[in-house]
Amino acid sequence: MAQKRAFDAGGASADGPPPRKFSHRTDAGAAAAVTGPVTDYGSSLARWILDRRLDFRPHCQASTSFAEEGSYLKELLPSISGSSNVVAQIPIRHIHASLNKIKHPINMVKWTPEGRRLLTGSSSGEFTLWNGMGFNFETIMQAHDSAIRALEYSHGADWLLSGDQDGVVKYWQTNFNNVKVLQAHDSPVRDVSFCPTDAKFVTASDDGSLKIWNFGEGEEERLLSGHGWDVKSADWHPYKGLIVSGSKDHLVKLWDPRSARCLTTLHGHKNTVSRVRFQPSQGNLLATSGRDMTIRIFDLRMMKDLYILRDHEKEVSSLAWHPTIPSLLSSGSLDGSVRHFILDELSTSTGGSVSVVRAAISVPHAHENAVWSMEYHPLGHLLCTGSNDRSTRFWGRPRVGEVETFQDRQYTGEGSYDSRNPGDKGKRRQAPKEEEEDADDDDYLVDQQMPVPGAGPMPINPGAMPLFPPGIDLGSALPLPGLPGLPGLGSFAPPPPPPGGFDPTLAALAAAMQQSQVPRPQ
């Protein structure tokens, strides 16, 4: 369960216990409790396991439905339980927004295979790790010299591949030790994807080509050429020898990786194809999105389009299939909106074999700018989105019957929300500012107390004029000696010493002037 921070950086979610309380000492010495957003999927998993055990006991009855009442919160089951209420499994409640101290657009978000942490790749080439339960910052590192454009974990959860704006692909171990660097393309790498056995991977680039690589040797094996423009996305089927690619030439192509031959070309989109993704749980469907503001669902068994997903008002920039619910697909747009589609809902026929599906739930103000990447937690109870507004946002399932979710600023907009909650506007803006100022102060103190290791005192040019008159020792508390007067000049009364709290350098100079008879200039 997630709880709000004081400045409303997060919200309440159904996946977890009451909020944890962290204790810290204030300047007065009193302990203060700070609540932070926390999720815990263990309670729903425990309930599901208990129900599965009760199913085999004739005298015990397991919970078979999820009632729309708050008292049934303890009956909440994970999305992998196969609940028939798909809408209840959609993560529509904004939980938390995470931002780096030095902010950059977030190009990629990727959950670690075990789901404990979230990895983000930014336009500055940095990796950032966020905790997957408390959403707090864990670590940051400079991974690439240019913007990170692609991230992919192997199916065996042993390796991570990353691609950047310079066409470089890097191998990473789970502890983020970089073991290999490949100059895969001369243009930006837009996507990478592992084959089912992790022995090979495919890269897509703005040079208009796809390349199949031997992972162990790091050598190119196949070149897939056929697109007439930049290849923006590629995906390897989760358990078949099949590769899909989408390009700026408006085409979607299916490839045989063994022969490097194009099997078929789909001409449904009328603009750049931004994302192509196979359905991960069953693998029967293919989702493609484009700058024509539509998403098309292609059935690999019948080799034809099944659905056209409409509702976006701007170009679709990201896609994410739910890991355990085959009919749930989420998408993000250049206007910062996020929409969730349920494919088996009633659709409006277009007059042919293709049906139009409208969004089941829309979040019109999920971000302030383009949503470049999104991914579900491996268990499906959380959704993470990365945006050009430099924020990483976490979304969870709401409480049962919680109508306040649709009154958040992500649904009503900033202006409407602030008009209904005037006191919250100042808190929300002041708290991050105070946190940033505190962090800057801490960094300043550390810099003062811990100079550069191995560096001695600042060198002084022997021929340069001294900074202070001879005899003044700013590091000593002893009385300062008097300064010699100038011959032939009168004296004048020195100014009084400054009050306490001034810079010790100025105080030392004033004391020296009082102890000496400095002649008055004529």
Foldseek 3Di string as FASTA:
>chain_A
DFPAWPLRQFHDFLAADPWDWDWDADPVGDIDTTTFTFGHNVQQDVLLVVLVVQVPPPVGHHDDAQDLDQVSSSVHHFPLSVHPPVVLLDQLFFGHKDFDLPFFFWQEWDAQPVRQWIWTWGQCQKIWIAGRTRRHTDDMDRHDRGGWQEWDAAPVSAWIWTWGQQQKIWIAGPVRDTDDIDSRDRGGWRYKEAAQVNQWIWTFGQVQWIFIAGVVVRDTDDIQHDGPGGWREKYHQNHDQWIWTWAQVQKIWIARVVVSDTPDIDNPGDGGWHYWDAQQQPRQWIWIFFQVQWIWIAGPVVRGTAEIEHDDPGGWQEKEQQQNQRQWIKTWHFQGKIFIWGNPDDFDDPPDNYTYTYTPDIQRPNDRGGFNYKYARNSSQKIWTTGRNRMIIITGRHRRPPPCSCVDCSNVNDVVNCVVVVPSVCSNVVVVVVVSVVVVVVVVVCCVVDPDPPDDDDDDDPPDDDPDDPQQDLVDPDQTAEDDEDPPAAFDAQDAADDPPDDSVSNSVSSNPNNYGYGDHD
